[in-house]
């Protein structure tokens, strides 16, 4: 049995929100990601895993600042110093779009860091490649469009045809590896890619056409004992309760509001031939995201409507908060933004997204014209179009009746 820690999509330089820590000088959001990464590294060392498998996307950017490379390097060096075999798969955010450019994790290969291997091209690793660890690893890093076109010598074809041909070649390659593999030793497939049937946040099923998508049958091949995936941030097992486990552990911190409701994990897999056991380890203490949407339908108590859409003040403390607000443009002056910001004063960051709506032209029923309607009926249509409540409309109708009758 081989004990593997599998994680992916670290994106440690995701500094899109908030302020800097005065002591370290790092953005506090970067410190959130590094805190999760420390949890993972500590777990690998304390639980004495045999292998750490990182399935791609160390950064959000393929040109990370040296400071962020330093922080990532510190954590990987801890694994190296602990003598833990570590495989770093190159993801799309780590890879330069230009041919023959260095990727964001090149330094670990260049400096030949002990026990650390960077997997930047499809490869088949045997126990000899893993310091004698009784394991076989089939690796598929992210393959860029330009890279695949150059490798396949394809020009002028439709993009879907390119992906289709690449999918066929990768499938053939994996099957060839499996045919050559030692059937007595566990086999792990790792890939930074989309897989058919996987779901992004918001339950959006991966569809063919916009990305290279690996077929589900490829990753569910029963000759495999574990499949370690990266690229999709939503945690999921695509082969639940069946061998092999096909795991996206998800990102290690909430990256944006699309992940507001997602818990975050890394995975400890005890890999054996045909009998792999998976333990999902939830990462605790990650920063809360609060995402709310309000469409104002009434002018009554607007600020109370907006406050009630948000959690209590104490629940907003240190959270990243977004309130998206739709309302008729003419109600702009009724929105007390200062009061909302006071309610969210303890939040780490508060975003108020205002979407004033332009009122459409008032339309009459198809079987009526202006000439067929009385003044009172026309006024009632106008009031309803301006979202007046029924009680106000009734009062206005009575007042209009008195005025018209008096005239």
Protein backbone atom coordinates (compact mmCIF):
# COMPACT_ATOMS: atom_id res chain seq x y z
CA UNK A 1 0.00 0.00 0.00
CA UNK A 2 1.26 3.46 -0.97
CA UNK A 3 0.10 6.54 0.93
CA UNK A 4 -0.36 9.56 -1.34
CA UNK A 5 -1.32 13.13 -0.52
CA UNK A 6 -3.05 14.67 -3.53
CA UNK A 7 -3.86 18.36 -3.90
CA UNK A 8 -4.22 20.81 -6.79
CA UNK A 9 -4.94 24.39 -7.86
CA UNK A 10 -3.01 26.24 -5.16
CA UNK A 11 -3.05 29.64 -6.95
CA UNK A 12 -1.04 31.13 -4.10
CA UNK A 13 -0.63 34.58 -5.69
CA UNK A 14 -4.36 35.26 -5.83
CA UNK A 15 -4.07 38.78 -4.38
CA UNK A 16 -7.28 40.19 -5.84
CA UNK A 17 -8.87 41.29 -2.56
CA UNK A 18 -7.95 43.26 0.51
CA UNK A 19 -4.95 44.79 2.19
CA UNK A 20 -1.36 43.82 3.00
CA UNK A 21 -0.02 42.29 6.19
CA UNK A 22 2.23 44.93 7.83
CA UNK A 23 4.68 42.36 9.21
CA UNK A 24 5.37 40.19 6.15
CA UNK A 25 4.41 42.74 3.49
CA UNK A 26 2.38 40.04 1.72
CA UNK A 27 -1.21 40.61 0.61
CA UNK A 28 -3.45 39.08 3.25
CA UNK A 29 -5.27 37.02 0.63
CA UNK A 30 -1.93 35.47 -0.38
CA UNK A 31 -1.41 34.62 3.28
CA UNK A 32 -4.80 32.84 3.25
CA UNK A 33 -3.60 30.57 0.43
CA UNK A 34 -0.23 30.01 2.09
CA UNK A 35 -1.99 29.05 5.33
CA UNK A 36 -3.89 26.32 3.47
CA UNK A 37 -0.69 25.22 1.76
CA UNK A 38 1.05 24.99 5.16
CA UNK A 39 -1.80 22.79 6.41
CA UNK A 40 -1.23 20.44 3.48
CA UNK A 41 2.56 20.30 3.87
CA UNK A 42 2.26 19.75 7.64
CA UNK A 43 -0.16 16.88 7.03
CA UNK A 44 2.18 15.24 4.50
CA UNK A 45 5.07 15.36 6.96
CA UNK A 46 3.13 14.41 10.10
CA UNK A 47 1.32 11.50 8.42
CA UNK A 48 4.53 10.29 6.78
CA UNK A 49 3.03 9.94 3.32
CA UNK A 50 5.09 8.17 0.66
CA UNK A 51 4.29 10.64 -2.13
CA UNK A 52 2.88 14.14 -2.53
CA UNK A 53 1.18 14.58 -5.88
CA UNK A 54 0.36 18.16 -6.88
CA UNK A 55 -1.91 18.16 -9.93
CA UNK A 56 -1.10 21.61 -11.31
CA UNK A 57 -1.61 25.40 -11.08
CA UNK A 58 0.75 26.63 -8.37
CA UNK A 59 -0.01 30.22 -9.32
CA UNK A 60 -2.78 32.26 -10.90
CA UNK A 61 -0.30 33.69 -13.35
CA UNK A 62 2.40 32.11 -15.53
CA UNK A 63 4.73 34.99 -14.57
CA UNK A 64 4.62 34.93 -10.75
CA UNK A 65 6.49 37.59 -8.80
CA UNK A 66 9.75 36.38 -7.19
CA UNK A 67 8.21 36.87 -3.74
CA UNK A 68 5.48 34.35 -4.51
CA UNK A 69 7.98 31.93 -6.03
CA UNK A 70 9.97 32.20 -2.81
CA UNK A 71 6.94 31.35 -0.68
CA UNK A 72 5.97 28.38 -2.88
CA UNK A 73 9.61 27.21 -2.86
CA UNK A 74 9.80 27.31 0.95
CA UNK A 75 6.90 24.86 1.22
CA UNK A 76 8.18 22.48 -1.46
CA UNK A 77 11.64 22.51 0.14
CA UNK A 78 10.09 21.36 3.43
CA UNK A 79 8.79 18.27 1.61
CA UNK A 80 12.20 17.73 0.01
CA UNK A 81 13.99 18.02 3.35
CA UNK A 82 11.54 15.53 4.87
CA UNK A 83 12.56 13.04 2.16
CA UNK A 84 9.05 12.85 0.68
CA UNK A 85 8.81 12.09 -3.02
CA UNK A 86 7.00 15.06 -4.59
CA UNK A 87 5.60 15.28 -8.12
CA UNK A 88 4.65 18.73 -9.46
CA UNK A 89 2.42 18.58 -12.52
CA UNK A 90 2.44 21.69 -14.70
CA UNK A 91 -1.01 23.30 -15.11
CA UNK A 92 -2.36 25.85 -17.57
CA UNK A 93 -1.67 28.77 -15.19
CA UNK A 94 1.96 27.64 -14.83
CA UNK A 95 2.66 27.33 -18.53
CA UNK A 96 3.83 30.05 -20.92
CA UNK A 97 1.83 30.20 -24.17
CA UNK A 98 5.09 30.69 -26.13
CA UNK A 99 6.99 27.65 -27.32
CA UNK A 100 10.24 26.78 -25.52
CA UNK A 101 9.64 29.32 -22.72
CA UNK A 102 10.33 28.28 -19.13
CA UNK A 103 7.22 27.53 -17.07
CA UNK A 104 6.59 28.80 -13.55
CA UNK A 105 8.04 25.73 -11.78
CA UNK A 106 11.16 25.25 -13.90
CA UNK A 107 13.58 26.08 -11.07
CA UNK A 108 12.93 22.77 -9.29
CA UNK A 109 14.16 20.89 -12.36
CA UNK A 110 17.00 23.32 -13.08
CA UNK A 111 18.35 23.08 -9.52
CA UNK A 112 17.64 19.34 -9.30
CA UNK A 113 15.95 19.63 -5.91
CA UNK A 114 16.17 16.24 -4.15
CA UNK A 115 12.98 14.13 -4.16
CA UNK A 116 11.13 16.72 -6.29
CA UNK A 117 10.20 16.14 -9.93
CA UNK A 118 8.43 18.56 -12.25
CA UNK A 119 6.21 16.85 -14.84
CA UNK A 120 5.92 19.22 -17.81
CA UNK A 121 5.34 16.66 -20.58
CA UNK A 122 3.41 13.39 -20.82
CA UNK A 123 5.49 10.67 -19.17
CA UNK A 124 5.38 7.21 -17.59
CA UNK A 125 7.25 6.91 -14.30
CA UNK A 126 8.32 3.51 -12.96
CA UNK A 127 9.65 2.61 -9.48
CA UNK A 128 13.17 3.35 -10.79
CA UNK A 129 12.04 6.95 -11.42
CA UNK A 130 10.56 7.21 -7.91
CA UNK A 131 13.55 6.16 -5.79
CA UNK A 132 12.30 2.59 -5.66
CA UNK A 133 8.76 3.44 -4.49
CA UNK A 134 6.57 0.52 -5.66
CA UNK A 135 4.31 2.66 -7.81
CA UNK A 136 3.80 3.55 -11.47
CA UNK A 137 2.62 7.05 -12.47
CA UNK A 138 1.16 8.08 -15.81
CA UNK A 139 1.34 11.89 -16.10
CA UNK A 140 -0.52 14.24 -18.45
CA UNK A 141 0.32 17.90 -17.73
CA UNK A 142 -1.59 20.74 -19.35
CA UNK A 143 -1.09 20.75 -23.10
CA UNK A 144 -1.37 24.20 -24.71
CA UNK A 145 -3.09 24.72 -28.02
CA UNK A 146 0.10 25.98 -29.68
CA UNK A 147 2.05 23.07 -28.25
CA UNK A 148 -0.38 20.48 -29.48
CA UNK A 149 -0.55 22.02 -32.96
CA UNK A 150 3.24 22.04 -33.22
CA UNK A 151 3.54 18.49 -31.93
CA UNK A 152 0.81 17.15 -34.20
CA UNK A 153 2.00 19.28 -37.15
CA UNK A 154 -1.54 20.53 -37.66
CA UNK A 155 -2.34 23.76 -39.49
CA UNK A 156 -5.60 25.26 -40.69
CA UNK A 157 -7.93 22.76 -39.03
CA UNK A 158 -10.99 23.46 -36.96
CA UNK A 159 -10.17 23.66 -33.23
CA UNK A 160 -12.64 20.89 -32.37
CA UNK A 161 -10.84 18.60 -34.85
CA UNK A 162 -7.50 19.41 -33.20
CA UNK A 163 -8.86 18.54 -29.76
CA UNK A 164 -10.45 15.38 -31.12
CA UNK A 165 -7.18 14.20 -32.66
CA UNK A 166 -5.22 15.05 -29.51
CA UNK A 167 -7.76 13.18 -27.39
CA UNK A 168 -7.34 10.10 -29.62
CA UNK A 169 -3.56 10.26 -29.38
CA UNK A 170 -3.55 10.71 -25.61
CA UNK A 171 -5.98 7.81 -25.26
CA UNK A 172 -3.72 5.62 -27.39
CA UNK A 173 -0.69 6.73 -25.36
CA UNK A 174 -2.31 5.93 -22.01
CA UNK A 175 -3.49 2.54 -23.27
CA UNK A 176 0.04 1.84 -24.52
CA UNK A 177 1.46 2.73 -21.10
CA UNK A 178 -1.10 0.51 -19.38
CA UNK A 179 -0.22 -2.37 -21.67
CA UNK A 180 3.45 -1.96 -20.77
CA UNK A 181 2.89 -1.45 -17.04
CA UNK A 182 3.62 -4.05 -14.38
CA UNK A 183 0.20 -5.42 -13.44
CA UNK A 184 1.44 -6.33 -9.93
CA UNK A 185 2.32 -2.74 -8.96
CA UNK A 186 -0.29 0.01 -8.33
CA UNK A 187 -0.81 2.49 -11.19
CA UNK A 188 -1.76 6.14 -10.73
CA UNK A 189 -2.86 8.46 -13.53
CA UNK A 190 -2.46 12.18 -12.93
CA UNK A 191 -3.68 14.89 -15.30
CA UNK A 192 -4.31 18.60 -15.36
CA UNK A 193 -7.32 18.63 -17.64
CA UNK A 194 -11.09 18.58 -17.87
CA UNK A 195 -12.80 15.20 -17.85
CA UNK A 196 -16.11 14.47 -19.51
CA UNK A 197 -18.87 14.49 -16.89
CA UNK A 198 -17.04 16.69 -14.39
CA UNK A 199 -18.77 19.73 -12.97
CA UNK A 200 -17.52 23.25 -12.43
CA UNK A 201 -18.87 25.44 -9.65
CA UNK A 202 -22.54 26.24 -10.13
CA UNK A 203 -23.13 22.68 -11.43
CA UNK A 204 -21.98 23.52 -14.97
CA UNK A 205 -21.22 20.21 -16.64
CA UNK A 206 -18.04 20.13 -18.72
CA UNK A 207 -18.91 20.05 -22.42
CA UNK A 208 -16.81 19.22 -25.42
CA UNK A 209 -15.58 22.04 -27.65
CA UNK A 210 -14.11 24.73 -25.39
CA UNK A 211 -11.22 22.75 -23.96
CA UNK A 212 -9.37 19.50 -24.30
CA UNK A 213 -11.68 17.07 -22.49
CA UNK A 214 -10.47 13.61 -21.56
CA UNK A 215 -13.08 10.86 -22.04
CA UNK A 216 -14.56 9.40 -18.88
CA UNK A 217 -13.78 5.87 -20.06
CA UNK A 218 -10.06 6.71 -20.13
CA UNK A 219 -9.81 7.77 -16.48
CA UNK A 220 -12.12 4.99 -15.27
CA UNK A 221 -10.03 2.18 -16.77
CA UNK A 222 -9.98 -0.53 -14.10
CA UNK A 223 -6.29 -1.16 -14.62
CA UNK A 224 -5.77 2.17 -12.84
CA UNK A 225 -5.74 2.27 -9.05
CA UNK A 226 -6.10 6.02 -8.48
CA UNK A 227 -6.64 9.07 -10.70
CA UNK A 228 -5.32 12.40 -9.37
CA UNK A 229 -6.80 15.34 -11.28
CA UNK A 230 -6.39 19.11 -11.24
CA UNK A 231 -7.86 22.09 -13.15
CA UNK A 232 -11.49 22.08 -11.93
CA UNK A 233 -11.95 23.80 -8.58
CA UNK A 234 -15.08 21.93 -7.47
CA UNK A 235 -14.20 18.88 -5.30
CA UNK A 236 -15.64 15.67 -6.74
CA UNK A 237 -15.13 11.96 -7.33
CA UNK A 238 -16.14 11.09 -10.89
CA UNK A 239 -16.23 7.37 -10.11
CA UNK A 240 -17.79 7.40 -6.67
CA UNK A 241 -17.97 4.09 -4.78
CA UNK A 242 -16.16 2.35 -7.63
CA UNK A 243 -12.52 1.58 -8.39
CA UNK A 244 -10.50 3.52 -9.34
CA UNK A 245 -11.34 6.72 -7.47
CA UNK A 246 -11.23 9.62 -9.99
CA UNK A 247 -10.64 12.69 -7.84
CA UNK A 248 -10.63 16.44 -8.30
CA UNK A 249 -9.72 17.70 -4.80
CA UNK A 250 -10.55 21.28 -5.86
CA UNK A 251 -8.66 24.49 -5.13
CA UNK A 252 -7.09 24.95 -1.69
CA UNK A 253 -8.86 28.27 -0.98
CA UNK A 254 -11.92 30.05 -2.34
CA UNK A 255 -10.71 31.82 -5.46
CA UNK A 256 -13.79 33.89 -6.32
CA UNK A 257 -17.52 34.25 -5.60
CA UNK A 258 -18.27 31.25 -7.81
CA UNK A 259 -16.77 29.15 -5.00
CA UNK A 260 -18.56 30.95 -2.15
CA UNK A 261 -20.41 27.82 -1.01
CA UNK A 262 -17.64 25.28 -1.65
CA UNK A 263 -15.69 23.61 1.15
CA UNK A 264 -12.01 23.03 0.40
CA UNK A 265 -10.06 19.78 0.63
CA UNK A 266 -6.95 17.81 0.00
CA UNK A 267 -7.00 14.01 -0.28
CA UNK A 268 -5.09 11.22 1.44
CA UNK A 269 -5.26 8.10 -0.75
CA UNK A 270 -4.04 4.71 0.41
CA UNK A 271 -3.37 3.13 -2.96
CA UNK A 272 -3.37 -0.62 -3.46
CA UNK A 273 -4.13 -2.86 -6.42
CA UNK A 274 -7.88 -2.64 -6.97
CA UNK A 275 -8.54 -1.52 -3.40
CA UNK A 276 -7.69 2.15 -2.96
CA UNK A 277 -9.12 3.96 0.06
CA UNK A 278 -9.70 7.72 -0.11
CA UNK A 279 -9.96 10.14 2.83
CA UNK A 280 -11.15 13.70 2.11
CA UNK A 281 -9.47 16.14 4.48
CA UNK A 282 -11.33 19.41 4.81
CA UNK A 283 -9.16 22.52 5.11
CA UNK A 284 -10.48 24.54 8.03
CA UNK A 285 -10.24 28.24 8.74
CA UNK A 286 -10.54 29.38 5.12
CA UNK A 287 -11.96 32.83 4.50
CA UNK A 288 -15.72 33.15 4.14
CA UNK A 289 -17.25 34.53 0.95
CA UNK A 290 -20.78 35.99 1.16
CA UNK A 291 -22.58 36.52 -2.14
CA UNK A 292 -26.11 37.97 -2.21
CA UNK A 293 -28.47 39.23 -4.92
CA UNK A 294 -31.47 41.52 -4.36
CA UNK A 295 -34.01 42.78 -6.88
CA UNK A 296 -35.99 45.65 -5.39
CA UNK A 297 -39.72 45.38 -6.15
CA UNK A 298 -41.02 47.88 -3.61
CA UNK A 299 -39.98 51.28 -2.31
CA UNK A 300 -41.09 50.39 1.21
CA UNK A 301 -38.16 50.08 3.65
CA UNK A 302 -35.45 49.73 1.00
CA UNK A 303 -32.54 49.84 3.45
CA UNK A 304 -34.24 47.20 5.63
CA UNK A 305 -34.69 44.99 2.57
CA UNK A 306 -31.00 45.27 1.77
CA UNK A 307 -29.78 44.72 5.32
CA UNK A 308 -32.01 41.66 5.71
CA UNK A 309 -30.38 40.15 2.58
CA UNK A 310 -27.03 40.17 4.39
CA UNK A 311 -26.05 38.10 7.44
CA UNK A 312 -25.81 39.88 10.82
CA UNK A 313 -22.80 42.12 11.35
CA UNK A 314 -20.95 39.55 13.44
CA UNK A 315 -21.24 36.95 10.63
CA UNK A 316 -19.65 39.39 8.17
CA UNK A 317 -16.48 39.84 10.23
CA UNK A 318 -13.40 39.13 8.08
CA UNK A 319 -15.54 37.88 5.18
CA UNK A 320 -15.35 38.94 1.54
CA UNK A 321 -18.84 40.22 0.76
CA UNK A 322 -20.67 41.06 -2.45
CA UNK A 323 -24.18 42.46 -2.68
CA UNK A 324 -25.59 42.71 -6.19
CA UNK A 325 -28.53 45.07 -6.39
CA UNK A 326 -31.06 45.53 -9.21
CA UNK A 327 -33.57 48.37 -8.98
CA UNK A 328 -35.47 50.91 -11.12
CA UNK A 329 -33.14 53.75 -12.02
CA UNK A 330 -35.44 56.36 -10.51
CA UNK A 331 -34.98 54.79 -7.05
CA UNK A 332 -31.26 55.59 -7.02
CA UNK A 333 -31.59 58.33 -4.39
CA UNK A 334 -33.38 55.96 -1.98
CA UNK A 335 -30.39 53.61 -1.67
CA UNK A 336 -28.40 54.54 1.44
CA UNK A 337 -24.97 53.16 0.50
CA UNK A 338 -23.32 54.62 3.61
CA UNK A 339 -25.70 52.67 5.85
CA UNK A 340 -24.90 49.43 4.01
CA UNK A 341 -21.18 50.01 4.32
CA UNK A 342 -21.59 50.68 8.02
CA UNK A 343 -23.43 47.34 8.36
CA UNK A 344 -20.51 45.58 6.60
CA UNK A 345 -17.76 47.60 8.34
CA UNK A 346 -16.19 44.48 9.92
CA UNK A 347 -15.99 42.64 6.59
CA UNK A 348 -12.57 42.00 5.08
CA UNK A 349 -13.88 43.57 1.89
CA UNK A 350 -17.35 44.73 0.79
CA UNK A 351 -18.46 45.08 -2.83
CA UNK A 352 -21.76 46.78 -3.65
CA UNK A 353 -22.65 46.13 -7.27
CA UNK A 354 -25.45 48.46 -8.37
CA UNK A 355 -27.42 47.62 -11.50
CA UNK A 356 -30.02 50.30 -12.15
CA UNK A 357 -32.61 49.12 -14.66
CA UNK A 358 -33.99 51.38 -17.38
CA UNK A 359 -37.77 51.13 -17.37
CA UNK A 360 -39.19 49.73 -20.60
CA UNK A 361 -41.82 51.69 -22.47
CA UNK A 362 -45.30 51.14 -21.08
CA UNK A 363 -47.18 48.73 -23.33
CA UNK A 364 -50.95 48.46 -23.56
CA UNK A 365 -52.77 45.14 -23.88
CA UNK A 366 -52.85 43.97 -27.51
CA UNK A 367 -56.64 44.45 -27.88
CA UNK A 368 -56.61 48.04 -26.55
CA UNK A 369 -55.46 51.47 -27.71
CA UNK A 370 -55.11 54.77 -25.88
CA UNK A 371 -58.40 55.95 -27.36
CA UNK A 372 -60.34 53.02 -25.92
CA UNK A 373 -59.21 53.60 -22.34
CA UNK A 374 -60.44 56.12 -19.81
CA UNK A 375 -57.99 58.52 -18.11
CA UNK A 376 -58.32 56.53 -14.87
CA UNK A 377 -57.43 53.28 -16.68
CA UNK A 378 -54.40 54.88 -18.34
CA UNK A 379 -53.23 56.26 -15.00
CA UNK A 380 -53.57 52.82 -13.38
CA UNK A 381 -51.40 51.25 -16.12
CA UNK A 382 -48.81 53.99 -15.53
CA UNK A 383 -48.75 53.48 -11.74
CA UNK A 384 -48.37 49.73 -12.07
CA UNK A 385 -45.50 50.18 -14.53
CA UNK A 386 -43.76 52.29 -11.87
CA UNK A 387 -44.16 49.50 -9.29
CA UNK A 388 -46.52 51.40 -7.00
CA UNK A 389 -48.07 49.12 -4.39
CA UNK A 390 -51.83 48.29 -4.60
CA UNK A 391 -52.78 50.43 -1.60
CA UNK A 392 -51.06 53.50 -3.06
CA UNK A 393 -52.65 52.87 -6.46
CA UNK A 394 -56.10 52.73 -4.86
CA UNK A 395 -55.52 56.04 -3.07
CA UNK A 396 -54.27 57.66 -6.28
CA UNK A 397 -57.28 56.33 -8.21
CA UNK A 398 -59.68 57.90 -5.69
CA UNK A 399 -57.80 61.20 -5.80
CA UNK A 400 -57.70 61.18 -9.61
CA UNK A 401 -61.43 60.40 -9.71
CA UNK A 402 -62.21 63.39 -7.52
CA UNK A 403 -60.06 65.71 -9.68
CA UNK A 404 -61.49 64.46 -12.98
CA UNK A 405 -65.05 64.59 -11.69
CA UNK A 406 -64.50 68.11 -10.37
CA UNK A 407 -63.25 69.24 -13.80
